[in-house]
């Protein structure tokens, strides 16, 4: 048997690694056999953490946890539209999606980004399969409607082919789970007449998590989590506390729809949802196997 390397610090490094593994053991037992849904955001994907993210997803699978990945791609869609000379219009933060834009959205989401993530996970030793909501009727969608009120007059805003999840075929995902495959889902849905819809990735992740009754929903984004009035990270809060913070204006802007997605998922049967910074290396592992790295929301 070869001797351990004779170098300064080797023993302390080995002891530290062993201590980390020992501390993670209770969490490994807690989540073994459980399903988690991870939304990997477009901004987080752009920070060069793709390989690290892929290795973490494979590690989760290898320790007995069943990960489902839902990815975004807003920045990448915007870049492609610019390259093609197609103008982007937004209403209330949602991209107006006509037929030309929808073709690009599907090409980027279900094509380039989805296959890049699948390839990265497979290269890390996993067995990932790329899906959009059109595959196997995974995500049945309905047209998203937005109401705008101006000068006391209510009007309906047409966003084109922007949709909302109507039904998630959890049987498709259960089949993949029993096959030891890791689903990687592009947020594209199919309407009742076969039309294609662009759906917000956070919303898809929440709907998928509720459908499979996931133990955890993770929304990986480009902020640390939910901040209080003094700009400090809130590590944990109940659904009621979250609604109070929205009403008080402490939770505002783009964080509101993320928190609301978490609340809907929790109401749908998800044990807890977490908003955390996907730019931090191994963010999911830190959240699952330590005392936490983002903001956890529970029922109550």
C-alpha atoms as a PDB file:
ATOM      1  CA  UNK A   1       0.000   0.000   0.000  1.00  0.00           C
ATOM      2  CA  UNK A   2       1.386   3.406  -0.900  1.00  0.00           C
ATOM      3  CA  UNK A   3       1.963   5.974   1.823  1.00  0.00           C
ATOM      4  CA  UNK A   4      -0.047   9.180   1.926  1.00  0.00           C
ATOM      5  CA  UNK A   5       1.670  12.133   0.314  1.00  0.00           C
ATOM      6  CA  UNK A   6       4.318  13.601   2.605  1.00  0.00           C
ATOM      7  CA  UNK A   7       3.562  17.282   2.311  1.00  0.00           C
ATOM      8  CA  UNK A   8       2.696  20.061   4.752  1.00  0.00           C
ATOM      9  CA  UNK A   9      -0.972  20.411   5.341  1.00  0.00           C
ATOM     10  CA  UNK A  10      -1.970  17.006   3.903  1.00  0.00           C
ATOM     11  CA  UNK A  11      -3.207  15.635   7.220  1.00  0.00           C
ATOM     12  CA  UNK A  12      -5.170  18.758   8.084  1.00  0.00           C
ATOM     13  CA  UNK A  13      -6.734  18.785   4.590  1.00  0.00           C
ATOM     14  CA  UNK A  14      -7.749  15.140   4.906  1.00  0.00           C
ATOM     15  CA  UNK A  15      -9.229  15.673   8.367  1.00  0.00           C
ATOM     16  CA  UNK A  16     -11.201  18.678   7.127  1.00  0.00           C
ATOM     17  CA  UNK A  17     -12.619  16.700   4.205  1.00  0.00           C
ATOM     18  CA  UNK A  18     -13.557  13.818   6.500  1.00  0.00           C
ATOM     19  CA  UNK A  19     -15.261  16.217   8.905  1.00  0.00           C
ATOM     20  CA  UNK A  20     -17.286  17.756   6.065  1.00  0.00           C
ATOM     21  CA  UNK A  21     -18.443  14.303   4.933  1.00  0.00           C
ATOM     22  CA  UNK A  22     -19.368  13.332   8.499  1.00  0.00           C
ATOM     23  CA  UNK A  23     -21.419  16.505   8.942  1.00  0.00           C
ATOM     24  CA  UNK A  24     -23.217  15.859   5.645  1.00  0.00           C
ATOM     25  CA  UNK A  25     -24.285  12.317   6.595  1.00  0.00           C
ATOM     26  CA  UNK A  26     -27.541  13.277   8.385  1.00  0.00           C
ATOM     27  CA  UNK A  27     -28.575  15.374   5.395  1.00  0.00           C
ATOM     28  CA  UNK A  28     -27.715  12.539   2.992  1.00  0.00           C
ATOM     29  CA  UNK A  29     -30.014  10.247   4.970  1.00  0.00           C
ATOM     30  CA  UNK A  30     -32.758  12.886   5.076  1.00  0.00           C
ATOM     31  CA  UNK A  31     -32.863  13.412   1.309  1.00  0.00           C
ATOM     32  CA  UNK A  32     -32.102   9.889   0.109  1.00  0.00           C
ATOM     33  CA  UNK A  33     -34.828   8.765  -2.287  1.00  0.00           C
ATOM     34  CA  UNK A  34     -36.381  12.241  -2.407  1.00  0.00           C
ATOM     35  CA  UNK A  35     -36.997  14.345  -5.512  1.00  0.00           C
ATOM     36  CA  UNK A  36     -35.733  17.892  -5.875  1.00  0.00           C
ATOM     37  CA  UNK A  37     -36.418  20.341  -8.701  1.00  0.00           C
ATOM     38  CA  UNK A  38     -33.702  22.823  -9.642  1.00  0.00           C
ATOM     39  CA  UNK A  39     -34.348  25.867 -11.805  1.00  0.00           C
ATOM     40  CA  UNK A  40     -31.055  26.919 -13.380  1.00  0.00           C
ATOM     41  CA  UNK A  41     -31.403  30.539 -14.459  1.00  0.00           C
ATOM     42  CA  UNK A  42     -30.116  32.207 -17.577  1.00  0.00           C
ATOM     43  CA  UNK A  43     -27.979  34.688 -15.608  1.00  0.00           C
ATOM     44  CA  UNK A  44     -26.499  31.950 -13.396  1.00  0.00           C
ATOM     45  CA  UNK A  45     -25.663  29.917 -16.522  1.00  0.00           C
ATOM     46  CA  UNK A  46     -23.725  32.819 -17.952  1.00  0.00           C
ATOM     47  CA  UNK A  47     -21.163  32.884 -15.132  1.00  0.00           C
ATOM     48  CA  UNK A  48     -19.117  29.860 -16.220  1.00  0.00           C
ATOM     49  CA  UNK A  49     -20.392  27.525 -13.487  1.00  0.00           C
ATOM     50  CA  UNK A  50     -21.899  25.029 -15.923  1.00  0.00           C
ATOM     51  CA  UNK A  51     -19.375  22.246 -15.285  1.00  0.00           C
ATOM     52  CA  UNK A  52     -19.590  22.712 -11.512  1.00  0.00           C
ATOM     53  CA  UNK A  53     -23.387  22.667 -11.693  1.00  0.00           C
ATOM     54  CA  UNK A  54     -23.348  19.494 -13.796  1.00  0.00           C
ATOM     55  CA  UNK A  55     -21.012  17.701 -11.368  1.00  0.00           C
ATOM     56  CA  UNK A  56     -23.240  18.679  -8.450  1.00  0.00           C
ATOM     57  CA  UNK A  57     -26.352  17.320 -10.185  1.00  0.00           C
ATOM     58  CA  UNK A  58     -24.554  14.025 -10.888  1.00  0.00           C
ATOM     59  CA  UNK A  59     -23.365  13.835  -7.281  1.00  0.00           C
ATOM     60  CA  UNK A  60     -26.927  14.260  -6.032  1.00  0.00           C
ATOM     61  CA  UNK A  61     -28.078  11.402  -8.255  1.00  0.00           C
ATOM     62  CA  UNK A  62     -25.240   9.164  -7.101  1.00  0.00           C
ATOM     63  CA  UNK A  63     -26.091   9.644  -3.402  1.00  0.00           C
ATOM     64  CA  UNK A  64     -29.707   8.610  -3.984  1.00  0.00           C
ATOM     65  CA  UNK A  65     -31.429  11.946  -4.597  1.00  0.00           C
ATOM     66  CA  UNK A  66     -33.557  12.401  -7.725  1.00  0.00           C
ATOM     67  CA  UNK A  67     -32.857  15.787  -9.355  1.00  0.00           C
ATOM     68  CA  UNK A  68     -35.012  17.347 -12.069  1.00  0.00           C
ATOM     69  CA  UNK A  69     -33.495  20.350 -13.835  1.00  0.00           C
ATOM     70  CA  UNK A  70     -35.551  23.147 -15.413  1.00  0.00           C
ATOM     71  CA  UNK A  71     -33.483  25.783 -17.190  1.00  0.00           C
ATOM     72  CA  UNK A  72     -34.074  29.311 -18.366  1.00  0.00           C
ATOM     73  CA  UNK A  73     -32.310  31.246 -21.063  1.00  0.00           C
ATOM     74  CA  UNK A  74     -33.650  34.797 -21.298  1.00  0.00           C
ATOM     75  CA  UNK A  75     -30.258  36.457 -21.881  1.00  0.00           C
ATOM     76  CA  UNK A  76     -29.310  33.881 -24.507  1.00  0.00           C
ATOM     77  CA  UNK A  77     -32.641  34.375 -26.304  1.00  0.00           C
ATOM     78  CA  UNK A  78     -32.063  38.132 -26.298  1.00  0.00           C
ATOM     79  CA  UNK A  79     -28.587  37.698 -27.774  1.00  0.00           C
ATOM     80  CA  UNK A  80     -29.874  35.463 -30.563  1.00  0.00           C
ATOM     81  CA  UNK A  81     -32.731  37.836 -31.403  1.00  0.00           C
ATOM     82  CA  UNK A  82     -30.224  40.678 -31.634  1.00  0.00           C
ATOM     83  CA  UNK A  83     -28.005  38.645 -33.952  1.00  0.00           C
ATOM     84  CA  UNK A  84     -30.997  37.941 -36.191  1.00  0.00           C
ATOM     85  CA  UNK A  85     -32.161  41.549 -36.127  1.00  0.00           C
ATOM     86  CA  UNK A  86     -35.463  40.729 -34.424  1.00  0.00           C
ATOM     87  CA  UNK A  87     -36.653  43.392 -31.985  1.00  0.00           C
ATOM     88  CA  UNK A  88     -37.573  42.352 -28.430  1.00  0.00           C
ATOM     89  CA  UNK A  89     -40.573  43.933 -26.743  1.00  0.00           C
ATOM     90  CA  UNK A  90     -41.451  43.458 -23.074  1.00  0.00           C
ATOM     91  CA  UNK A  91     -44.684  44.071 -21.184  1.00  0.00           C
ATOM     92  CA  UNK A  92     -44.556  43.794 -17.384  1.00  0.00           C
ATOM     93  CA  UNK A  93     -41.255  41.940 -17.670  1.00  0.00           C
ATOM     94  CA  UNK A  94     -42.590  39.333 -20.113  1.00  0.00           C
ATOM     95  CA  UNK A  95     -41.268  39.018 -23.652  1.00  0.00           C
ATOM     96  CA  UNK A  96     -43.945  39.578 -26.284  1.00  0.00           C
ATOM     97  CA  UNK A  97     -43.679  36.440 -28.405  1.00  0.00           C
ATOM     98  CA  UNK A  98     -44.960  36.389 -31.979  1.00  0.00           C
ATOM     99  CA  UNK A  99     -44.360  33.476 -34.361  1.00  0.00           C
ATOM    100  CA  UNK A 100     -40.892  34.669 -35.404  1.00  0.00           C
ATOM    101  CA  UNK A 101     -39.776  35.186 -31.811  1.00  0.00           C
ATOM    102  CA  UNK A 102     -41.265  31.832 -30.767  1.00  0.00           C
ATOM    103  CA  UNK A 103     -39.170  30.035 -33.377  1.00  0.00           C
ATOM    104  CA  UNK A 104     -36.021  31.586 -31.907  1.00  0.00           C
ATOM    105  CA  UNK A 105     -37.130  30.893 -28.326  1.00  0.00           C
ATOM    106  CA  UNK A 106     -37.671  27.219 -29.075  1.00  0.00           C
ATOM    107  CA  UNK A 107     -34.392  26.987 -31.003  1.00  0.00           C
ATOM    108  CA  UNK A 108     -32.403  28.473 -28.120  1.00  0.00           C
ATOM    109  CA  UNK A 109     -34.203  26.823 -25.195  1.00  0.00           C
ATOM    110  CA  UNK A 110     -35.051  23.349 -26.496  1.00  0.00           C
ATOM    111  CA  UNK A 111     -32.014  23.308 -28.789  1.00  0.00           C
ATOM    112  CA  UNK A 112     -28.748  24.960 -27.818  1.00  0.00           C
ATOM    113  CA  UNK A 113     -29.110  25.477 -24.054  1.00  0.00           C
ATOM    114  CA  UNK A 114     -30.903  22.218 -23.335  1.00  0.00           C
ATOM    115  CA  UNK A 115     -28.366  20.112 -25.197  1.00  0.00           C
ATOM    116  CA  UNK A 116     -25.415  21.960 -23.650  1.00  0.00           C
ATOM    117  CA  UNK A 117     -26.720  21.134 -20.171  1.00  0.00           C
ATOM    118  CA  UNK A 118     -27.460  17.531 -21.107  1.00  0.00           C
ATOM    119  CA  UNK A 119     -23.962  17.127 -22.537  1.00  0.00           C
ATOM    120  CA  UNK A 120     -22.356  18.670 -19.439  1.00  0.00           C
ATOM    121  CA  UNK A 121     -24.245  16.346 -17.079  1.00  0.00           C
ATOM    122  CA  UNK A 122     -23.446  13.294 -19.199  1.00  0.00           C
ATOM    123  CA  UNK A 123     -19.776  14.311 -19.376  1.00  0.00           C
ATOM    124  CA  UNK A 124     -19.765  14.488 -15.572  1.00  0.00           C
ATOM    125  CA  UNK A 125     -20.894  10.860 -15.364  1.00  0.00           C
ATOM    126  CA  UNK A 126     -24.669  11.225 -15.297  1.00  0.00           C
ATOM    127  CA  UNK A 127     -27.388  10.020 -17.624  1.00  0.00           C
ATOM    128  CA  UNK A 128     -29.376  13.113 -18.582  1.00  0.00           C
ATOM    129  CA  UNK A 129     -32.141  13.389 -21.136  1.00  0.00           C
ATOM    130  CA  UNK A 130     -33.269  16.679 -22.642  1.00  0.00           C
ATOM    131  CA  UNK A 131     -36.969  17.467 -22.881  1.00  0.00           C
ATOM    132  CA  UNK A 132     -39.247  20.334 -23.692  1.00  0.00           C
ATOM    133  CA  UNK A 133     -42.822  20.511 -22.519  1.00  0.00           C
ATOM    134  CA  UNK A 134     -43.852  19.204 -25.953  1.00  0.00           C
ATOM    135  CA  UNK A 135     -42.168  15.820 -25.431  1.00  0.00           C
ATOM    136  CA  UNK A 136     -44.677  13.259 -24.226  1.00  0.00           C
ATOM    137  CA  UNK A 137     -47.127  16.085 -23.587  1.00  0.00           C
ATOM    138  CA  UNK A 138     -45.030  16.905 -20.519  1.00  0.00           C
ATOM    139  CA  UNK A 139     -46.291  20.481 -20.091  1.00  0.00           C
ATOM    140  CA  UNK A 140     -49.766  21.321 -21.314  1.00  0.00           C
ATOM    141  CA  UNK A 141     -50.046  25.102 -21.511  1.00  0.00           C
ATOM    142  CA  UNK A 142     -52.667  27.789 -21.829  1.00  0.00           C
ATOM    143  CA  UNK A 143     -52.267  31.281 -23.188  1.00  0.00           C
ATOM    144  CA  UNK A 144     -51.092  33.749 -20.540  1.00  0.00           C
ATOM    145  CA  UNK A 145     -53.367  36.737 -20.096  1.00  0.00           C
ATOM    146  CA  UNK A 146     -52.303  40.001 -18.544  1.00  0.00           C
ATOM    147  CA  UNK A 147     -54.664  42.749 -17.412  1.00  0.00           C
ATOM    148  CA  UNK A 148     -53.440  46.348 -17.420  1.00  0.00           C
ATOM    149  CA  UNK A 149     -55.232  49.198 -15.650  1.00  0.00           C
ATOM    150  CA  UNK A 150     -54.590  52.729 -16.917  1.00  0.00           C
ATOM    151  CA  UNK A 151     -56.611  55.726 -15.783  1.00  0.00           C
ATOM    152  CA  UNK A 152     -59.096  53.374 -14.221  1.00  0.00           C
ATOM    153  CA  UNK A 153     -59.646  51.482 -17.468  1.00  0.00           C
ATOM    154  CA  UNK A 154     -58.931  47.744 -17.550  1.00  0.00           C
ATOM    155  CA  UNK A 155     -57.607  46.256 -20.770  1.00  0.00           C
ATOM    156  CA  UNK A 156     -56.319  42.849 -21.776  1.00  0.00           C
ATOM    157  CA  UNK A 157     -52.718  42.720 -23.000  1.00  0.00           C
ATOM    158  CA  UNK A 158     -51.899  40.190 -25.723  1.00  0.00           C
ATOM    159  CA  UNK A 159     -48.417  38.738 -25.196  1.00  0.00           C
ATOM    160  CA  UNK A 160     -48.607  36.422 -28.175  1.00  0.00           C
ATOM    161  CA  UNK A 161     -47.317  32.904 -27.626  1.00  0.00           C
ATOM    162  CA  UNK A 162     -46.583  33.372 -23.923  1.00  0.00           C
ATOM    163  CA  UNK A 163     -48.129  30.627 -21.849  1.00  0.00           C
ATOM    164  CA  UNK A 164     -48.701  29.290 -18.360  1.00  0.00           C
ATOM    165  CA  UNK A 165     -48.554  25.653 -17.238  1.00  0.00           C
ATOM    166  CA  UNK A 166     -51.971  24.041 -17.218  1.00  0.00           C
ATOM    167  CA  UNK A 167     -50.955  20.449 -16.461  1.00  0.00           C
ATOM    168  CA  UNK A 168     -47.689  18.571 -15.946  1.00  0.00           C
ATOM    169  CA  UNK A 169     -47.592  14.891 -16.942  1.00  0.00           C
ATOM    170  CA  UNK A 170     -45.849  13.615 -13.819  1.00  0.00           C
ATOM    171  CA  UNK A 171     -45.986  10.038 -15.194  1.00  0.00           C
ATOM    172  CA  UNK A 172     -43.379  10.961 -17.802  1.00  0.00           C
ATOM    173  CA  UNK A 173     -41.023  12.160 -15.076  1.00  0.00           C
ATOM    174  CA  UNK A 174     -41.737   9.127 -12.893  1.00  0.00           C
ATOM    175  CA  UNK A 175     -40.765   6.838 -15.769  1.00  0.00           C
ATOM    176  CA  UNK A 176     -37.457   8.672 -16.133  1.00  0.00           C
ATOM    177  CA  UNK A 177     -36.850   8.511 -12.375  1.00  0.00           C
ATOM    178  CA  UNK A 178     -37.290   4.740 -12.387  1.00  0.00           C
ATOM    179  CA  UNK A 179     -34.879   4.570 -15.318  1.00  0.00           C
ATOM    180  CA  UNK A 180     -32.217   6.492 -13.344  1.00  0.00           C
ATOM    181  CA  UNK A 181     -32.283   9.299 -15.899  1.00  0.00           C
ATOM    182  CA  UNK A 182     -31.948  12.988 -15.035  1.00  0.00           C
ATOM    183  CA  UNK A 183     -34.598  15.085 -16.827  1.00  0.00           C
ATOM    184  CA  UNK A 184     -33.425  18.457 -18.162  1.00  0.00           C
ATOM    185  CA  UNK A 185     -36.503  20.470 -19.124  1.00  0.00           C
ATOM    186  CA  UNK A 186     -36.756  23.478 -21.443  1.00  0.00           C
ATOM    187  CA  UNK A 187     -39.682  25.775 -20.477  1.00  0.00           C
ATOM    188  CA  UNK A 188     -41.634  25.362 -23.707  1.00  0.00           C
ATOM    189  CA  UNK A 189     -45.214  24.073 -23.522  1.00  0.00           C
ATOM    190  CA  UNK A 190     -47.853  22.827 -25.913  1.00  0.00           C
ATOM    191  CA  UNK A 191     -51.353  24.239 -26.199  1.00  0.00           C
ATOM    192  CA  UNK A 192     -54.658  22.430 -26.809  1.00  0.00           C
ATOM    193  CA  UNK A 193     -54.373  22.911 -30.577  1.00  0.00           C
ATOM    194  CA  UNK A 194     -50.690  21.919 -30.685  1.00  0.00           C
ATOM    195  CA  UNK A 195     -49.423  25.494 -30.610  1.00  0.00           C
ATOM    196  CA  UNK A 196     -46.079  26.198 -28.918  1.00  0.00           C
ATOM    197  CA  UNK A 197     -45.858  28.483 -25.885  1.00  0.00           C
ATOM    198  CA  UNK A 198     -42.940  30.261 -24.243  1.00  0.00           C
ATOM    199  CA  UNK A 199     -43.283  29.847 -20.459  1.00  0.00           C
ATOM    200  CA  UNK A 200     -41.361  31.505 -17.641  1.00  0.00           C
ATOM    201  CA  UNK A 201     -38.816  28.981 -16.346  1.00  0.00           C
ATOM    202  CA  UNK A 202     -39.495  29.763 -12.673  1.00  0.00           C
ATOM    203  CA  UNK A 203     -43.185  29.061 -13.249  1.00  0.00           C
ATOM    204  CA  UNK A 204     -42.425  25.770 -14.994  1.00  0.00           C
ATOM    205  CA  UNK A 205     -40.099  24.704 -12.178  1.00  0.00           C
ATOM    206  CA  UNK A 206     -42.771  25.459  -9.591  1.00  0.00           C
ATOM    207  CA  UNK A 207     -45.416  23.544 -11.542  1.00  0.00           C
ATOM    208  CA  UNK A 208     -43.108  20.551 -12.025  1.00  0.00           C
ATOM    209  CA  UNK A 209     -42.154  20.551  -8.333  1.00  0.00           C
ATOM    210  CA  UNK A 210     -45.815  20.580  -7.289  1.00  0.00           C
ATOM    211  CA  UNK A 211     -46.706  17.825  -9.765  1.00  0.00           C
ATOM    212  CA  UNK A 212     -44.033  15.433  -8.462  1.00  0.00           C
ATOM    213  CA  UNK A 213     -44.473  16.564  -4.824  1.00  0.00           C
ATOM    214  CA  UNK A 214     -40.786  17.441  -4.583  1.00  0.00           C
ATOM    215  CA  UNK A 215     -39.078  17.756  -1.230  1.00  0.00           C
ATOM    216  CA  UNK A 216     -37.307  20.896  -2.399  1.00  0.00           C
ATOM    217  CA  UNK A 217     -37.664  23.466  -5.154  1.00  0.00           C
ATOM    218  CA  UNK A 218     -34.487  25.455  -5.823  1.00  0.00           C
ATOM    219  CA  UNK A 219     -34.580  28.688  -7.802  1.00  0.00           C
ATOM    220  CA  UNK A 220     -30.978  29.471  -8.733  1.00  0.00           C
ATOM    221  CA  UNK A 221     -30.697  33.127  -9.656  1.00  0.00           C
ATOM    222  CA  UNK A 222     -28.172  35.971  -9.574  1.00  0.00           C
ATOM    223  CA  UNK A 223     -28.887  37.289  -6.071  1.00  0.00           C
ATOM    224  CA  UNK A 224     -28.145  35.851  -2.621  1.00  0.00           C
ATOM    225  CA  UNK A 225     -31.808  35.343  -1.765  1.00  0.00           C
ATOM    226  CA  UNK A 226     -34.539  37.436  -0.164  1.00  0.00           C
ATOM    227  CA  UNK A 227     -33.260  40.470   1.726  1.00  0.00           C
ATOM    228  CA  UNK A 228     -34.876  42.264   4.661  1.00  0.00           C
ATOM    229  CA  UNK A 229     -35.398  46.035   4.975  1.00  0.00           C
ATOM    230  CA  UNK A 230     -31.732  46.414   6.050  1.00  0.00           C
ATOM    231  CA  UNK A 231     -30.513  44.464   2.989  1.00  0.00           C
ATOM    232  CA  UNK A 232     -29.557  41.425   5.060  1.00  0.00           C
ATOM    233  CA  UNK A 233     -30.254  37.895   3.857  1.00  0.00           C
ATOM    234  CA  UNK A 234     -33.337  36.245   5.316  1.00  0.00           C
ATOM    235  CA  UNK A 235     -32.346  32.601   5.833  1.00  0.00           C
ATOM    236  CA  UNK A 236     -35.839  31.220   6.438  1.00  0.00           C
ATOM    237  CA  UNK A 237     -39.436  32.412   6.521  1.00  0.00           C
ATOM    238  CA  UNK A 238     -42.980  31.130   6.395  1.00  0.00           C
ATOM    239  CA  UNK A 239     -45.462  31.713   3.613  1.00  0.00           C
ATOM    240  CA  UNK A 240     -47.333  34.194   5.781  1.00  0.00           C
ATOM    241  CA  UNK A 241     -44.174  36.160   6.545  1.00  0.00           C
ATOM    242  CA  UNK A 242     -43.351  36.259   2.824  1.00  0.00           C
ATOM    243  CA  UNK A 243     -46.785  37.677   1.974  1.00  0.00           C
ATOM    244  CA  UNK A 244     -46.407  40.285   4.722  1.00  0.00           C
ATOM    245  CA  UNK A 245     -43.032  41.369   3.301  1.00  0.00           C
ATOM    246  CA  UNK A 246     -44.549  41.672  -0.190  1.00  0.00           C
ATOM    247  CA  UNK A 247     -47.408  43.794   1.204  1.00  0.00           C
ATOM    248  CA  UNK A 248     -44.903  45.998   3.062  1.00  0.00           C
ATOM    249  CA  UNK A 249     -42.809  46.524  -0.064  1.00  0.00           C
ATOM    250  CA  UNK A 250     -39.710  44.849   1.414  1.00  0.00           C
ATOM    251  CA  UNK A 251     -39.947  42.149  -1.215  1.00  0.00           C
ATOM    252  CA  UNK A 252     -40.283  44.023  -4.477  1.00  0.00           C
ATOM    253  CA  UNK A 253     -39.413  44.111  -8.168  1.00  0.00           C
ATOM    254  CA  UNK A 254     -38.287  40.895  -9.786  1.00  0.00           C
ATOM    255  CA  UNK A 255     -38.150  39.073  -6.462  1.00  0.00           C
ATOM    256  CA  UNK A 256     -41.957  39.145  -6.136  1.00  0.00           C
ATOM    257  CA  UNK A 257     -42.695  36.618  -8.921  1.00  0.00           C
ATOM    258  CA  UNK A 258     -39.935  34.326  -7.630  1.00  0.00           C
ATOM    259  CA  UNK A 259     -41.390  34.324  -4.116  1.00  0.00           C
ATOM    260  CA  UNK A 260     -44.902  33.868  -5.505  1.00  0.00           C
ATOM    261  CA  UNK A 261     -43.675  30.868  -7.520  1.00  0.00           C
ATOM    262  CA  UNK A 262     -42.323  29.382  -4.295  1.00  0.00           C
ATOM    263  CA  UNK A 263     -45.603  30.003  -2.495  1.00  0.00           C
ATOM    264  CA  UNK A 264     -47.645  28.354  -5.240  1.00  0.00           C
ATOM    265  CA  UNK A 265     -45.314  25.334  -5.191  1.00  0.00           C
ATOM    266  CA  UNK A 266     -45.615  25.015  -1.417  1.00  0.00           C
ATOM    267  CA  UNK A 267     -49.398  25.227  -1.654  1.00  0.00           C
ATOM    268  CA  UNK A 268     -49.183  22.469  -4.280  1.00  0.00           C
ATOM    269  CA  UNK A 269     -47.437  20.067  -1.896  1.00  0.00           C
ATOM    270  CA  UNK A 270     -43.730  20.953  -2.089  1.00  0.00           C
ATOM    271  CA  UNK A 271     -42.158  20.686   1.367  1.00  0.00           C
ATOM    272  CA  UNK A 272     -40.006  23.818   1.003  1.00  0.00           C
ATOM    273  CA  UNK A 273     -38.617  26.141  -1.662  1.00  0.00           C
ATOM    274  CA  UNK A 274     -35.281  27.934  -1.716  1.00  0.00           C
ATOM    275  CA  UNK A 275     -34.108  31.044  -3.571  1.00  0.00           C
ATOM    276  CA  UNK A 276     -30.307  31.171  -3.756  1.00  0.00           C
ATOM    277  CA  UNK A 277     -27.388  32.533  -5.749  1.00  0.00           C
ATOM    278  CA  UNK A 278     -26.537  30.154  -8.577  1.00  0.00           C
ATOM    279  CA  UNK A 279     -23.280  32.002  -9.227  1.00  0.00           C
ATOM    280  CA  UNK A 280     -21.852  30.587  -5.975  1.00  0.00           C
ATOM    281  CA  UNK A 281     -19.960  27.343  -6.665  1.00  0.00           C
ATOM    282  CA  UNK A 282     -21.789  24.274  -5.319  1.00  0.00           C
ATOM    283  CA  UNK A 283     -24.743  26.388  -4.171  1.00  0.00           C
ATOM    284  CA  UNK A 284     -27.142  23.420  -4.150  1.00  0.00           C
ATOM    285  CA  UNK A 285     -24.770  21.279  -2.080  1.00  0.00           C
ATOM    286  CA  UNK A 286     -24.257  24.098   0.390  1.00  0.00           C
ATOM    287  CA  UNK A 287     -28.004  24.494   0.782  1.00  0.00           C
ATOM    288  CA  UNK A 288     -28.787  20.788   1.091  1.00  0.00           C
ATOM    289  CA  UNK A 289     -25.866  19.528   3.150  1.00  0.00           C
ATOM    290  CA  UNK A 290     -25.052  22.473   5.422  1.00  0.00           C
ATOM    291  CA  UNK A 291     -27.097  24.960   7.406  1.00  0.00           C
ATOM    292  CA  UNK A 292     -28.210  26.673   4.220  1.00  0.00           C
ATOM    293  CA  UNK A 293     -27.037  29.177   1.626  1.00  0.00           C
ATOM    294  CA  UNK A 294     -30.128  31.101   0.512  1.00  0.00           C
ATOM    295  CA  UNK A 295     -33.685  31.897   1.627  1.00  0.00           C
ATOM    296  CA  UNK A 296     -35.885  28.906   2.480  1.00  0.00           C
ATOM    297  CA  UNK A 297     -39.668  29.263   2.410  1.00  0.00           C
ATOM    298  CA  UNK A 298     -42.012  26.869   4.206  1.00  0.00           C
ATOM    299  CA  UNK A 299     -45.736  26.608   4.738  1.00  0.00           C
ATOM    300  CA  UNK A 300     -47.205  28.398   7.714  1.00  0.00           C
END
